[in-house]
Amino acid sequence: MKMNIKILGTGCPKCRTLEKLTSEIVAENNFDAEITRVEDIVEIRNYGVMEIPGLVVNERVLISGGVPSKDEIKKLIEKHIKAKKIEFSQDILEIAKFAKAMSHPVRVYILKKLSQMDTCCYSSNLVEELPVGRSALSQHLKELKFAGLIQGEIESPYIKYCINRENFEKAKILYQNFFGMEIKNNTNK
């Protein structure tokens, strides 16, 4: 199975070093892997990484906030390859993505408001009624947009936001299926 390796970072010297060392390890050991760079701060934060660089292998963070030696990186990758971990289904990954996007009351409010409107809404309208500043609102909107629950349209100098109806319906179905599961009766108390 092909490994999906991501280098998390903004292109700083440490990020480039981690990418170089990882590429060398993959080539020297004939690992079947694709290496990509993730430079978007919101996407990096979604991995729970607060310090860059980071190394993610098959959606699992192996390194955060530093550059270990080449030998240590190799050992971490090999340990990950040998570990018998389950792979999450696409449904589980999407439920988690939507849940994370909805993990703040401001975002839930925005989704509720947009889903009940026939038209789109400008961020300036939202900032007037929410107990957050413009920069915080911008981050909340970015999280919702990253998850695909809303979409933004630039009408300079404003950004107009609407619910992404297709993904909103997808989230509703995923949640209905998830919460509609029968819970096993556990007799152990």
Protein backbone atom coordinates (compact mmCIF):
# COMPACT_ATOMS: atom_id res chain seq x y z
CA MET A 1 0.00 0.00 0.00
CA LYS A 2 1.31 3.43 -0.97
CA MET A 3 2.22 5.68 1.95
CA ASN A 4 0.86 9.19 2.02
CA ILE A 5 3.53 11.41 3.57
CA LYS A 6 2.92 15.07 4.31
CA ILE A 7 5.45 17.67 5.38
CA LEU A 8 3.67 20.30 7.46
CA GLY A 9 5.29 23.71 7.36
CA THR A 10 5.51 27.10 5.75
CA GLY A 11 8.76 26.53 3.89
CA CYS A 12 11.14 27.53 6.69
CA PRO A 13 14.67 26.04 6.74
CA LYS A 14 13.63 23.32 9.23
CA CYS A 15 10.65 22.41 7.03
CA ARG A 16 12.88 22.10 3.96
CA THR A 17 15.38 19.99 5.96
CA LEU A 18 12.64 17.62 7.13
CA GLU A 19 11.35 17.31 3.57
CA LYS A 20 14.86 16.64 2.21
CA LEU A 21 15.64 13.99 4.84
CA THR A 22 12.26 12.31 4.38
CA SER A 23 12.68 12.25 0.57
CA GLU A 24 16.13 10.68 0.97
CA ILE A 25 14.75 8.02 3.34
CA VAL A 26 11.93 7.15 0.94
CA ALA A 27 14.34 6.88 -2.02
CA GLU A 28 17.07 4.95 -0.15
CA ASN A 29 14.60 2.41 1.25
CA ASN A 30 12.41 2.07 -1.84
CA PHE A 31 9.31 2.99 0.16
CA ASP A 32 6.21 3.26 -2.00
CA ALA A 33 5.26 6.77 -0.93
CA GLU A 34 3.96 10.07 -2.17
CA ILE A 35 5.32 13.15 -0.40
CA THR A 36 3.32 16.36 -0.40
CA ARG A 37 3.77 19.70 1.30
CA VAL A 38 1.04 21.27 3.47
CA GLU A 39 1.67 24.98 3.94
CA ASP A 40 -1.79 26.25 4.90
CA ILE A 41 -1.75 27.15 8.62
CA VAL A 42 -5.40 26.15 9.18
CA GLU A 43 -4.81 22.76 7.59
CA ILE A 44 -1.64 22.29 9.67
CA ARG A 45 -3.55 23.21 12.83
CA ASN A 46 -6.24 20.67 11.91
CA TYR A 47 -3.60 18.00 12.49
CA GLY A 48 -3.13 19.34 16.01
CA VAL A 49 0.35 20.56 15.14
CA MET A 50 1.17 23.83 16.89
CA GLU A 51 4.89 23.92 16.06
CA ILE A 52 6.33 23.27 12.64
CA PRO A 53 7.72 21.38 10.94
CA GLY A 54 5.55 18.31 11.14
CA LEU A 55 5.63 14.90 9.51
CA VAL A 56 2.38 13.06 8.83
CA VAL A 57 2.31 9.51 7.51
CA ASN A 58 -1.06 8.12 6.41
CA GLU A 59 -2.85 10.88 8.36
CA ARG A 60 -0.94 10.15 11.58
CA VAL A 61 1.36 12.83 13.01
CA LEU A 62 4.79 11.32 13.68
CA ILE A 63 6.85 14.49 14.20
CA SER A 64 5.93 17.96 15.40
CA GLY A 65 8.07 20.98 16.15
CA GLY A 66 11.54 19.79 15.23
CA VAL A 67 13.80 17.87 12.91
CA PRO A 68 15.12 14.60 14.35
CA SER A 69 18.10 12.86 12.83
CA LYS A 70 17.70 10.98 9.58
CA ASP A 71 18.00 7.69 11.45
CA GLU A 72 15.26 8.69 13.93
CA ILE A 73 12.92 9.72 11.09
CA LYS A 74 13.55 6.39 9.37
CA LYS A 75 12.80 4.47 12.59
CA LEU A 76 9.54 6.37 13.10
CA ILE A 77 8.41 5.65 9.53
CA GLU A 78 9.37 1.96 9.81
CA LYS A 79 7.58 1.66 13.15
CA HIS A 80 4.49 3.21 11.56
CA ILE A 81 4.67 0.76 8.62
CA LYS A 82 4.88 -2.24 10.97
CA ALA A 83 2.08 -1.06 13.27
CA LYS A 84 -1.19 -2.82 12.64
CA LYS A 85 -3.52 0.14 12.74
CA ILE A 86 -6.99 0.31 11.35
CA GLU A 87 -7.64 2.67 8.49
CA PHE A 88 -10.61 4.93 8.97
CA SER A 89 -13.32 4.84 6.36
CA GLN A 90 -14.09 7.95 4.34
CA ASP A 91 -17.38 8.33 6.26
CA ILE A 92 -15.58 8.38 9.62
CA LEU A 93 -13.02 10.90 8.35
CA GLU A 94 -15.77 13.16 7.01
CA ILE A 95 -17.84 12.95 10.19
CA ALA A 96 -14.75 13.95 12.17
CA LYS A 97 -13.98 16.81 9.77
CA PHE A 98 -17.53 18.16 10.05
CA ALA A 99 -17.57 17.67 13.83
CA LYS A 100 -14.35 19.61 14.21
CA ALA A 101 -15.73 22.43 12.08
CA MET A 102 -18.82 22.57 14.28
CA SER A 103 -16.92 22.41 17.56
CA HIS A 104 -17.47 26.06 18.48
CA PRO A 105 -20.79 27.78 19.24
CA VAL A 106 -20.00 30.67 16.86
CA ARG A 107 -19.60 28.20 13.97
CA VAL A 108 -22.80 26.37 14.89
CA TYR A 109 -24.62 29.72 14.96
CA ILE A 110 -23.21 30.69 11.54
CA LEU A 111 -24.28 27.35 10.03
CA LYS A 112 -27.75 27.64 11.54
CA LYS A 113 -28.16 31.21 10.28
CA LEU A 114 -26.89 30.46 6.77
CA SER A 115 -28.96 27.28 6.46
CA GLN A 116 -32.13 29.22 7.25
CA MET A 117 -31.48 31.98 4.70
CA ASP A 118 -32.58 32.03 1.07
CA THR A 119 -29.65 34.27 0.19
CA CYS A 120 -26.02 34.64 1.13
CA CYS A 121 -24.63 36.80 3.92
CA TYR A 122 -21.66 39.15 4.13
CA SER A 123 -19.15 38.65 6.92
CA SER A 124 -19.71 42.29 7.96
CA ASN A 125 -23.35 41.40 8.74
CA LEU A 126 -22.22 38.52 10.95
CA VAL A 127 -19.66 40.54 12.89
CA GLU A 128 -22.39 42.97 13.93
CA GLU A 129 -24.42 40.27 15.68
CA LEU A 130 -21.78 37.89 17.03
CA PRO A 131 -19.73 38.39 20.21
CA VAL A 132 -16.40 38.09 18.34
CA GLY A 133 -14.14 40.49 16.49
CA ARG A 134 -13.49 40.49 12.74
CA SER A 135 -10.29 38.44 12.91
CA ALA A 136 -11.90 35.74 15.10
CA LEU A 137 -14.93 35.66 12.80
CA SER A 138 -12.62 35.31 9.82
CA GLN A 139 -10.97 32.26 11.44
CA HIS A 140 -14.35 30.67 12.19
CA LEU A 141 -15.48 31.22 8.60
CA LYS A 142 -12.18 29.77 7.35
CA GLU A 143 -12.70 26.61 9.44
CA LEU A 144 -16.23 26.15 8.09
CA LYS A 145 -15.05 26.78 4.54
CA PHE A 146 -12.12 24.34 4.94
CA ALA A 147 -14.59 21.64 6.02
CA GLY A 148 -16.69 22.43 2.96
CA LEU A 149 -19.79 23.40 4.93
CA ILE A 150 -19.86 26.95 3.56
CA GLN A 151 -18.57 28.63 0.46
CA GLY A 152 -17.35 32.18 -0.02
CA GLU A 153 -17.64 34.46 -3.00
CA ILE A 154 -15.52 37.58 -3.23
CA GLU A 155 -17.38 40.71 -4.26
CA SER A 156 -14.62 43.20 -3.64
CA PRO A 157 -14.16 44.56 -1.04
CA TYR A 158 -16.56 42.11 0.68
CA ILE A 159 -16.84 38.36 0.95
CA LYS A 160 -20.27 36.81 0.69
CA TYR A 161 -20.85 33.47 2.44
CA CYS A 162 -23.47 30.84 1.69
CA ILE A 163 -24.16 27.37 2.95
CA ASN A 164 -22.62 24.69 0.71
CA ARG A 165 -25.90 22.82 0.21
CA GLU A 166 -24.33 19.66 -1.21
CA ASN A 167 -21.88 19.20 1.68
CA PHE A 168 -24.44 20.35 4.26
CA GLU A 169 -26.81 17.60 3.06
CA LYS A 170 -23.93 15.13 3.07
CA ALA A 171 -23.14 16.06 6.70
CA LYS A 172 -26.80 15.67 7.68
CA ILE A 173 -26.96 12.19 6.16
CA LEU A 174 -23.66 11.12 7.75
CA TYR A 175 -24.84 12.34 11.17
CA GLN A 176 -28.28 10.74 10.79
CA ASN A 177 -26.65 7.42 9.94
CA PHE A 178 -24.14 7.78 12.77
CA PHE A 179 -26.64 8.74 15.46
CA GLY A 180 -29.20 6.30 14.07
CA MET A 181 -26.97 3.32 14.85
CA GLU A 182 -28.31 0.89 17.38
CA ILE A 183 -26.39 0.95 20.63
CA LYS A 184 -25.50 -2.48 21.95
CA ASN A 185 -26.84 -3.20 25.42
CA ASN A 186 -23.77 -3.60 27.58
CA THR A 187 -24.65 -5.68 30.64
CA ASN A 188 -21.26 -4.98 32.30
CA LYS A 189 -21.65 -2.04 34.63
